[in-house]
Each structure stands twice: as structure tokens, then as C-alpha cells.
Protein backbone atom coordinates (compact mmCIF):
# COMPACT_ATOMS: atom_id res chain seq x y z
CA MET A 1 0.00 0.00 0.00
CA LEU A 2 1.06 3.60 -0.60
CA LYS A 3 2.17 4.90 2.79
CA ARG A 4 0.46 8.07 3.93
CA GLU A 5 3.55 9.40 5.71
CA LYS A 6 5.40 9.39 2.40
CA TRP A 7 2.71 11.30 0.60
CA SER A 8 1.82 14.99 0.93
CA GLY A 9 -1.27 14.93 -1.26
CA PRO A 10 -4.91 14.11 -0.46
CA ASN A 11 -5.91 10.75 0.97
CA PRO A 12 -6.04 8.16 -1.86
CA ASP A 13 -8.98 5.79 -1.77
CA ALA A 14 -8.83 1.98 -1.87
CA ALA A 15 -9.28 1.85 -5.64
CA PHE A 16 -6.26 4.08 -6.10
CA HIS A 17 -4.17 1.88 -3.81
CA ARG A 18 -5.06 -1.21 -5.85
CA LYS A 19 -4.19 0.46 -9.14
CA PHE A 20 -0.96 1.83 -7.73
CA GLU A 21 0.06 -1.64 -6.53
CA ASP A 22 -0.71 -3.01 -10.01
CA ILE A 23 1.59 -0.39 -11.49
CA LEU A 24 4.41 -1.35 -9.15
CA GLU A 25 3.98 -5.02 -10.08
CA GLN A 26 4.14 -4.16 -13.79
CA ILE A 27 7.34 -2.23 -13.24
CA GLU A 28 8.88 -5.02 -11.16
CA GLN A 29 8.08 -7.58 -13.90
CA LYS A 30 9.98 -5.59 -16.53
CA PRO A 31 13.36 -7.16 -17.42
CA GLU A 32 16.24 -5.48 -15.68
CA PRO A 33 18.38 -3.35 -17.97
CA VAL A 34 21.80 -4.71 -18.85
CA LYS A 35 24.31 -3.30 -16.39
CA LYS A 36 26.88 -1.16 -18.12
CA LYS A 37 29.78 0.83 -16.86
CA ASN A 38 28.71 3.81 -18.92
CA PHE A 39 27.07 6.12 -16.37
CA LEU A 40 24.98 7.95 -18.94
CA LYS A 41 23.49 4.73 -20.29
CA THR A 42 22.84 3.42 -16.78
CA GLY A 43 21.17 6.69 -15.88
CA ALA A 44 19.07 6.48 -19.02
CA ALA A 45 17.91 2.99 -18.09
CA ILE A 46 16.94 4.11 -14.60
CA GLY A 47 15.28 7.17 -16.05
CA GLY A 48 13.30 4.95 -18.41
CA THR A 49 11.95 2.95 -15.49
CA VAL A 50 11.02 6.12 -13.63
CA ALA A 51 9.42 7.50 -16.78
CA ALA A 52 7.41 4.31 -17.16
CA CYS A 53 6.24 4.68 -13.59
CA GLY A 54 5.34 8.29 -14.32
CA VAL A 55 3.32 7.38 -17.41
CA LEU A 56 1.44 4.64 -15.59
CA PHE A 57 0.94 6.89 -12.58
CA PHE A 58 -0.44 9.58 -14.86
CA GLY A 59 -2.86 7.00 -16.22
CA VAL A 60 -4.13 6.34 -12.71
CA CYS A 61 -4.61 10.07 -12.17
CA ALA A 62 -6.42 10.35 -15.48
CA ALA A 63 -8.73 7.58 -14.33
CA ASN A 64 -9.25 9.49 -11.07
CA PRO A 65 -9.63 13.11 -12.27
CA VAL A 66 -11.04 14.41 -8.98
CA TRP A 67 -8.16 12.91 -7.02
CA ALA A 68 -5.65 14.16 -9.59
CA SER A 69 -7.06 17.68 -9.52
CA ASN A 70 -6.33 17.85 -5.80
CA LEU A 71 -2.63 17.14 -6.15
CA PRO A 72 -0.86 20.15 -4.61
CA VAL A 73 1.31 22.34 -6.79
CA VAL A 74 3.47 24.50 -4.56
CA GLY A 75 2.73 28.18 -5.10
CA SER A 76 -0.13 27.53 -7.53
CA ILE A 77 -2.85 29.29 -5.53
CA PHE A 78 -0.60 32.22 -4.66
CA LYS A 79 0.25 32.48 -8.36
CA SER A 80 -3.34 32.24 -9.57
CA GLN A 81 -4.41 34.99 -7.15
CA ALA A 82 -1.31 37.17 -7.66
CA GLU A 83 -3.15 40.11 -9.22
CA LYS A 84 -5.76 40.22 -6.45
CA LEU A 85 -3.47 39.90 -3.44
CA GLN A 86 -3.24 43.06 -1.38
CA TYR A 87 0.31 42.13 -0.40
CA LYS A 88 1.59 41.42 -3.89
CA GLY A 89 4.97 39.91 -4.68
CA ASP A 90 6.86 36.86 -5.88
CA TYR A 91 5.54 34.27 -3.43
CA GLU A 92 6.69 31.35 -5.55
CA ASN A 93 10.18 31.72 -4.10
CA TYR A 94 8.92 31.62 -0.53
CA VAL A 95 5.81 29.45 -0.14
CA LYS A 96 6.03 25.91 1.13
CA PRO A 97 3.52 23.06 1.27
CA ALA A 98 1.45 23.31 4.42
CA GLY A 99 3.03 21.05 7.03
CA GLU A 100 0.90 18.91 9.30
CA ALA A 101 1.51 18.97 13.05
CA GLY A 102 -0.39 15.98 14.34
CA GLY A 103 -3.66 16.95 12.69
CA SER A 104 -5.05 17.00 9.18
CA LEU A 105 -4.80 19.65 6.50
CA THR A 106 -8.40 18.90 5.50
CA ALA A 107 -11.53 19.45 7.56
CA SER A 108 -15.21 19.00 6.67
CA SER A 109 -18.21 20.50 8.42
CA SER A 110 -21.70 21.70 7.49
CA GLY A 111 -21.30 20.60 3.88
CA ILE A 112 -18.05 22.51 3.29
CA THR A 113 -14.58 20.97 3.06
CA MET A 114 -11.51 23.15 3.59
CA THR A 115 -8.01 22.04 2.61
CA LEU A 116 -4.91 24.02 3.50
CA SER A 117 -2.40 24.04 0.65
CA GLU A 118 0.61 26.35 1.06
CA THR A 119 2.09 28.67 3.66
CA TYR A 120 4.49 31.57 3.91
CA CYS A 121 5.47 32.79 7.35
CA SER A 122 7.49 35.88 8.20
CA PRO A 123 8.35 36.81 11.80
CA GLU A 124 5.14 38.87 11.96
CA ALA A 125 2.55 37.29 9.65
CA LEU A 126 1.33 33.93 8.40
CA TYR A 127 -0.08 33.54 4.89
CA ILE A 128 -2.12 30.41 4.13
CA SER A 129 -3.57 29.35 0.79
CA TYR A 130 -6.54 27.03 0.87
CA VAL A 131 -9.32 25.43 -1.12
CA MET A 132 -12.93 25.48 0.02
CA GLU A 133 -15.36 23.02 -1.57
CA SER A 134 -19.11 22.99 -0.98
CA GLU A 135 -21.60 20.17 -1.48
CA THR A 136 -24.07 22.76 -2.80
CA PRO A 137 -23.35 25.81 -4.98
CA PHE A 138 -22.02 28.85 -3.14
CA GLU A 139 -24.43 31.75 -3.09
CA GLU A 140 -23.68 34.69 -5.36
CA THR A 141 -21.26 36.94 -3.52
CA ARG A 142 -20.47 40.62 -3.81
CA GLU A 143 -17.06 41.19 -5.37
CA GLU A 144 -14.32 43.74 -4.86
CA SER A 145 -10.82 44.05 -6.29
CA THR A 146 -9.68 41.23 -3.98
CA GLY A 147 -12.40 38.88 -5.21
CA PRO A 148 -15.63 37.73 -3.52
CA VAL A 149 -16.07 39.43 -0.15
CA LEU A 150 -15.68 36.63 2.37
CA ILE A 151 -14.75 36.50 6.04
CA LEU A 152 -13.26 33.63 8.01
CA GLU A 153 -14.08 33.87 11.70
CA GLY A 154 -12.58 31.74 14.44
CA GLN A 155 -9.49 31.54 16.60
CA ALA A 156 -5.83 30.57 16.42
CA GLU A 157 -3.44 29.30 19.05
CA TYR A 158 0.32 29.64 18.57
CA SER A 159 2.93 27.60 20.40
CA PHE A 160 4.96 30.73 21.21
CA GLU A 161 1.98 32.63 22.67
CA SER A 162 -0.10 31.66 25.70
CA GLU A 163 -3.27 33.54 24.77
CA THR A 164 -5.73 32.54 22.06
CA ASP A 165 -5.87 34.93 19.10
CA TYR A 166 -9.22 35.92 17.59
CA VAL A 167 -9.42 35.40 13.82
CA PHE A 168 -11.50 37.74 11.69
CA ALA A 169 -9.83 37.55 8.30
CA TYR A 170 -10.68 38.75 4.80
CA PRO A 171 -9.22 36.26 2.30
CA THR A 172 -8.22 37.12 -1.24
CA GLY A 173 -9.38 34.65 -3.85
CA ASP A 174 -11.94 33.58 -6.40
CA TYR A 175 -14.50 30.93 -7.23
CA VAL A 176 -13.08 28.26 -9.51
CA ASP A 177 -16.62 27.05 -10.18
CA ASP A 178 -19.98 27.14 -8.40
CA TYR A 179 -18.75 24.67 -5.78
CA THR A 180 -15.08 25.60 -5.30
CA TYR A 181 -13.22 28.61 -3.90
CA GLU A 182 -9.45 29.12 -3.82
CA GLY A 183 -7.92 31.84 -1.71
CA VAL A 184 -5.13 33.21 0.44
CA VAL A 185 -5.63 34.48 3.97
CA ARG A 186 -3.18 36.55 6.01
CA LEU A 187 -3.01 36.28 9.80
CA ASP A 188 -1.05 38.66 12.02
CA LEU A 189 1.15 36.74 14.43
CA PRO A 190 0.22 37.80 17.98
CA GLY A 191 2.32 39.68 20.48
CA ARG A 192 5.75 40.61 19.20
CA GLY A 193 5.73 37.89 16.56
CA ALA A 194 7.83 34.74 16.28
CA GLU A 195 11.56 34.13 16.15
CA ALA A 196 12.97 33.38 12.71
CA GLY A 197 13.92 29.75 12.22
CA GLU A 198 11.77 28.62 15.14
CA ASN A 199 9.31 25.81 14.40
CA ILE A 200 5.93 26.93 15.65
CA GLN A 201 2.68 25.01 15.82
CA VAL A 202 -0.53 26.73 14.85
CA ASP A 203 -3.92 25.38 15.91
CA LEU A 204 -6.41 27.07 13.61
CA LYS A 205 -10.12 26.73 14.26
CA ILE A 206 -12.58 28.30 11.83
CA SER A 207 -16.10 28.52 13.23
CA GLN A 208 -17.88 30.54 10.56
CA VAL A 209 -17.62 31.44 6.88
CA VAL A 210 -19.44 34.63 5.88
CA GLY A 211 -20.02 36.15 2.45
CA ASP A 212 -21.63 39.43 1.41
CA LEU A 213 -24.65 38.75 -0.79
CA LYS A 214 -24.37 40.04 -4.34
CA ASN A 215 -28.03 41.11 -4.22
CA PRO A 216 -28.83 41.97 -0.59
CA ASP A 217 -32.29 42.87 0.63
CA THR A 218 -33.30 46.49 1.16
CA LEU A 219 -34.84 47.57 4.44
CA ASP A 220 -38.22 49.17 3.86
CA ILE A 221 -38.22 52.11 6.27
CA GLY A 222 -41.79 53.11 5.39
CA TYR A 223 -40.93 56.69 4.45
CA THR A 224 -39.74 58.46 1.32
CA GLN A 225 -36.72 60.75 1.36
CA GLU A 226 -39.00 63.73 0.89
CA GLU A 227 -41.12 62.72 3.89
CA LEU A 228 -38.04 62.36 6.09
CA GLU A 229 -36.69 65.76 5.07
CA ALA A 230 -40.04 67.42 5.85
CA MET A 231 -40.24 66.01 9.40
CA SER A 232 -39.87 68.04 12.55
CA ASP A 233 -37.27 66.96 15.10
CA GLU A 234 -39.95 65.22 17.15
CA GLN A 235 -41.35 63.40 14.11
CA TRP A 236 -37.82 62.43 13.05
CA GLU A 237 -36.99 60.87 16.43
CA LYS A 238 -40.27 58.94 16.41
CA ALA A 239 -39.64 57.66 12.88
CA MET A 240 -36.11 56.57 13.77
CA LYS A 241 -37.39 54.57 16.74
CA GLU A 242 -39.98 52.89 14.49
CA ILE A 243 -37.30 52.03 11.93
CA GLU A 244 -34.96 50.72 14.63
CA THR A 245 -37.70 48.51 16.09
CA ALA A 246 -38.61 47.14 12.66
CA ALA A 247 -34.95 46.44 11.88
CA GLN A 248 -34.55 44.53 15.14
CA GLU A 249 -37.69 42.48 14.56
CA GLU A 250 -36.53 41.51 11.07
CA GLY A 251 -32.97 40.73 12.17
CA TRP A 252 -31.19 43.62 10.48
CA ASP A 253 -29.38 44.63 13.67
CA THR A 254 -27.23 41.49 13.88
CA TRP A 255 -24.11 40.41 12.03
CA PRO A 256 -24.19 38.34 10.01
CA ASN A 257 -27.84 38.46 8.97
CA THR A 258 -29.73 36.74 6.18
CA HIS A 259 -30.65 40.04 4.52
CA GLU A 260 -27.09 41.08 3.70
CA GLN A 261 -24.90 37.98 4.07
CA TRP A 262 -24.83 34.26 3.53
CA PHE A 263 -23.05 32.36 6.27
CA VAL A 264 -22.24 28.83 7.34
CA GLU A 265 -21.37 27.88 10.90
CA GLY A 266 -19.19 24.84 11.43
CA ASN A 267 -16.04 23.46 12.95
CA TRP A 268 -12.98 23.37 10.71
CA GLU A 269 -9.88 22.56 12.76
CA PHE A 270 -6.29 22.36 11.54
CA GLN A 271 -2.87 21.86 13.08
CA ILE A 272 0.07 23.05 11.03
CA GLU A 273 3.75 23.62 11.66
CA VAL A 274 5.59 26.58 10.16
CA SER A 275 9.00 28.16 10.50
CA PRO A 276 9.23 31.95 10.10
CA ASP A 277 11.41 32.87 7.13
CA ASP A 278 13.68 35.86 7.75
CA SER A 279 15.38 35.79 4.36
CA ARG A 280 15.20 39.30 2.92
CA VAL A 281 13.62 40.55 6.15
CA GLN A 282 15.26 43.75 7.38
CA THR A 283 14.65 45.34 10.77
CA VAL A 284 16.00 48.77 11.63
CA GLU A 285 16.12 49.37 15.38
CA ILE A 286 15.60 53.02 16.30
CA ASN A 287 14.48 53.23 19.94
CA GLU A 288 14.16 56.98 20.24
CA THR A 289 11.55 59.53 21.26
CA ASN A 290 11.40 63.31 21.11
CA GLU A 291 10.81 65.66 24.02
CA GLN A 292 7.08 64.91 23.91
CA GLY A 293 7.72 61.17 24.33
CA ILE A 294 6.78 60.38 20.71
CA GLY A 295 9.00 58.22 18.52
CA LEU A 296 9.85 54.87 16.98
CA GLU A 297 11.04 51.56 18.32
CA SER A 298 11.72 49.83 14.99
CA VAL A 299 10.71 49.43 11.36
CA MET A 300 10.58 46.01 9.67
CA VAL A 301 10.32 45.21 5.98
CA THR A 302 9.68 41.78 4.43
CA PRO A 303 9.51 40.97 0.72
CA PHE A 304 5.82 41.92 0.82
CA GLU A 305 5.10 44.41 3.61
CA ILE A 306 6.44 47.03 5.98
CA SER A 307 5.43 47.54 9.60
CA VAL A 308 6.27 50.17 12.19
CA LYS A 309 6.51 49.81 15.94
CA GLU A 310 5.87 53.22 17.43
CA LEU A 311 7.25 54.19 20.82
CA TYR A 312 5.51 56.43 23.34
CA THR A 313 6.70 57.40 26.79
CA GLY A 314 5.47 59.63 29.59
CA GLU A 315 2.03 61.09 29.00
CA ALA A 316 2.01 60.46 25.24
CA ASP A 317 -1.02 58.31 24.35
CA PRO A 318 -0.68 56.06 21.25
CA ALA A 319 -4.38 56.57 20.48
CA ASP A 320 -3.71 60.27 19.85
CA TYR A 321 -1.30 59.73 16.96
CA TYR A 322 -1.11 58.24 13.47
CA ALA A 323 2.00 57.14 11.56
CA ALA A 324 2.08 57.94 7.83
CA LEU A 325 4.79 56.36 5.64
CA LEU A 326 6.18 57.76 2.38
CA ASP A 327 8.51 55.86 0.07
CA ALA A 328 11.73 57.13 -1.52
CA GLU A 329 9.71 58.87 -4.25
CA GLY A 330 7.43 60.61 -1.77
CA LYS A 331 4.47 58.32 -2.51
CA MET A 332 2.14 57.34 0.30
CA ILE A 333 2.41 53.68 1.36
CA ARG A 334 -1.23 52.87 1.96
CA MET A 335 -2.72 50.34 4.31
CA ALA A 336 -4.39 47.17 3.10
CA GLU A 337 -8.08 46.61 3.66
CA GLY A 338 -8.75 45.30 7.14
CA ASN A 339 -5.18 45.88 8.36
CA SER A 340 -3.78 49.17 9.59
CA GLU A 341 -0.38 47.98 10.81
CA ALA A 342 1.36 46.11 7.99
CA LEU A 343 1.47 48.05 4.72
CA PRO A 344 1.92 46.50 1.25
CA ILE A 345 5.16 47.59 -0.43
CA TYR A 346 4.52 46.32 -3.96
CA GLY A 347 5.26 49.07 -6.48
CA HIS A 348 7.16 51.21 -3.96
CA ASP A 349 10.82 52.19 -3.76
CA ILE A 350 11.58 51.41 -0.12
CA SER A 351 15.30 52.14 -0.20
CA THR A 352 14.33 55.11 1.97
CA VAL A 353 11.09 55.30 3.94
CA THR A 354 10.10 58.43 5.85
CA VAL A 355 7.85 57.96 8.87
CA TYR A 356 5.73 60.94 9.92
CA ILE A 357 3.82 60.69 13.19
CA CYS A 358 0.92 63.13 13.23
CA ASP A 359 -1.88 64.13 15.54
CA TYR A 360 -4.60 61.56 14.81
CA VAL A 361 -7.55 63.94 14.53
CA GLU A 362 -5.62 66.46 12.47
CA TYR A 363 -4.37 63.77 10.10
CA MET A 364 -7.81 62.23 9.55
CA ASP A 365 -9.65 65.55 9.24
CA GLU A 366 -7.15 67.70 7.35
CA LEU A 367 -4.18 65.76 5.96
CA LYS A 368 -5.33 62.34 4.77
CA GLY A 369 -7.52 63.72 1.99
CA GLN A 370 -4.53 65.45 0.41
CA ALA A 371 -2.33 62.35 0.14
CA ASP A 372 -2.59 62.31 -3.67
CA GLN A 373 -2.11 66.04 -4.08
CA PRO A 374 1.18 67.82 -4.91
CA GLY A 375 2.91 69.13 -1.82
CA PHE A 376 1.63 66.41 0.52
CA GLN A 377 5.10 65.61 1.82
CA GLU A 378 5.79 69.28 2.48
CA LEU A 379 2.52 69.43 4.40
CA LEU A 380 3.60 66.48 6.54
CA GLU A 381 6.94 68.16 7.14
CA GLU A 382 5.07 71.11 8.62
CA ARG A 383 2.44 69.25 10.64
CA ALA A 384 4.12 66.05 11.87
CA VAL A 385 5.10 65.92 15.53
CA TYR A 386 7.85 63.39 14.77
CA LYS A 387 9.80 62.47 11.64
CA LYS A 388 12.35 59.75 10.88
CA GLU A 389 14.07 58.62 7.68
CA VAL A 390 14.78 54.90 7.58
CA HIS A 391 17.11 53.33 5.02
CA PHE A 392 16.99 49.76 3.73
CA GLU A 393 19.29 47.76 1.51
CA GLU A 394 17.97 47.23 -2.00
CA GLN A 395 16.11 43.95 -2.48
CA ASP A 396 16.70 41.95 -5.63
């Protein structure tokens, strides 16, 4: 029988085992090639046997198209979703097959089967590609630039962290067909991240899959826009209470709800082992503050993202400030959807990154809207309460 511990693909069924054993018997019955001292000819003979095995093996896969379609190709999902990923880059040089850690890479619940495929782990984030297959067609889902709007909700436990981490992640991906979804999800590693080279175990438990409906319902508030505008303050307050009560009775005040989302509750549990990759990861330690107690601890850049650890001392409150990053060309490095800490660096010259820490309210109300306008960097120079230029070595 084909031994499971020697195989990283999906579980073969009994029919596959029988056919595979037949193939091995056919190969074993072939006459042995004449032994020659010529290495090239000997290698060719061995190669011929391997090729024969490959051809016969391909025949088995052709006879089992569903099983064959599930054979993992390292980097394939990252590659297929490359244009939609918020953290774009050349993942093919970094991703690895998802490694089991005592559990399975496949879990089924509530009519949906999830299979983890590939991983990339930096000291601060874990990327996982996966396939999600449903017994019934997925409902039509609203789409954005990152693909269908889905959310994975659950929790994750990391061997280097004692507390459980809440998972509320927006994957990037697409439907392969009505029953199949392929995507990539990014999880922030908790605390101060993981040590490079350290093998860490991740217990991932997904409890709910949520999708935004392509054609959501519309709440009937019972009034026209003209009627609302003509109301007195007293009438307005009364109408709002009526609308709020109606929304509660019909379930509009909960998330998710059947008017705006489709959702499936279940129990998809995985145990994987990953080792953070620090190749081409650069960390610049700064550890300084100004007289107001505002400053930076460090700035880290990976092949795909940049993150800043701010430093506040004394009476300085982190909630009162916002860090804006500009690349070497003065272009704003914008946050990804659903993540305000790690910023995508694709398309940016990060040989020099300037960090401006601004008053939060002032930045949101007066500065943010001018990020695409000429003179934005000069404006930050005037308004920022702290500034630091950080230099990185060029990445190939």
C-alpha cells in the first residue's frame, strides 16, 4: 500500500491503492536493464523505469480526475491569485507546502470541506492558501478588487503565545466554479511575533464562513426621502425609533444576517507547523523619542510588507497619533483593507522610507484627503510631531 507518511497529497482511496500496486507489479516484472559501466546509459535505463512509472501513474490520475485535480502544486494558488493579493509579490520563491503537526490539512463541516495548501510565514505574519469546496453551490457573492467578499471567523493558538488569538480575516481569492473557492488568507502573528527559524505550531479553528450577498435585501423604512426631510425633530426621532424597532424584529441589527450575508457555521480545525522565514527581512532598530515622548522603536520590511513599531513614553497616548509612511519617491504607502499595521510595499521604492507621526484627529480631518495632491510631503513636514528617515538595503 502507498504509505500516507510518504505522501503529501490528499488521501487516496482503496481503488487508487489497488491500481498503484498493479503499477508497481508491472514495473517489477519488466526485465532489468543490462548493467553497463557507462554512467549515462545506466542513468538512461533508470530514467526509463522512472518515466514508465510516471506514465502509468499519470494513467491512474487520469482515471481518477477528482483525485488528480487535488494534487498540490506549490505556489499555484498564490500564483493564480497574484493580481488580487493586497500584499503582492513573488511568493513562488517563498511558499512551502502546508506542514501537518499531528492533525489534518483537510476538515469538513456543514457541507463545506476546507483544505490548506501552502504557507508563507514571516516573523510577523502567516499567509495560508486554501481550497474550500461545498456540497451545494455557493451563493452569489459581492465582489471587490480582492475577489468575492468573504470573512473567516474563528481563533488561532500559537505555540509561542499563551493567549488565544481571535481570527477575523478577509481572504483574497476567487470561485473556480460554483462549488469551489481558492484563496489566500493573512493572519497577524500575535504579540511581538515569532523568532525566525523557530518551528511553531498553529492550531487554527474556523467557526464561521461569511459572504456578502451580491443582491442583498433592502430595508423598507416606510418613508420616502421627501417625507423624512419634511419632518420636525420630534417626528424624526419617532420615525427613527420605528425604523430601529422594525430592523430589530426583522434581524437587520445582527451580524451576520440573512438580509445582507450568507453564512455557514461549522467546525474546521487544523494543526500546522511553520518556520518563520527571515530571508530578505530587514529590521531597523531606532528606539528613540522626542521631548514629547513620541517616537519609533523599529521598522521592519519583508519581501511583501512594511510595519512600524511606534514608541511612546510619559504622557504620550498612542491613540492620539497616526504614523504615515512615504517611500523614496514621496508616494504614500497605503494600508491594506482590514489591516492598519502592515502596509503592502509592492510598487514602492523602499530604499528610503520616511515615517511621519501626526496628531490623529488632524491627520484624519485635514491631511489624509490630500495624500494624492502635490505638496503632501511638504505638508507632513510642517504638521508632523515626529519624523524619521529609515534606510533599507535594496532587495533583488
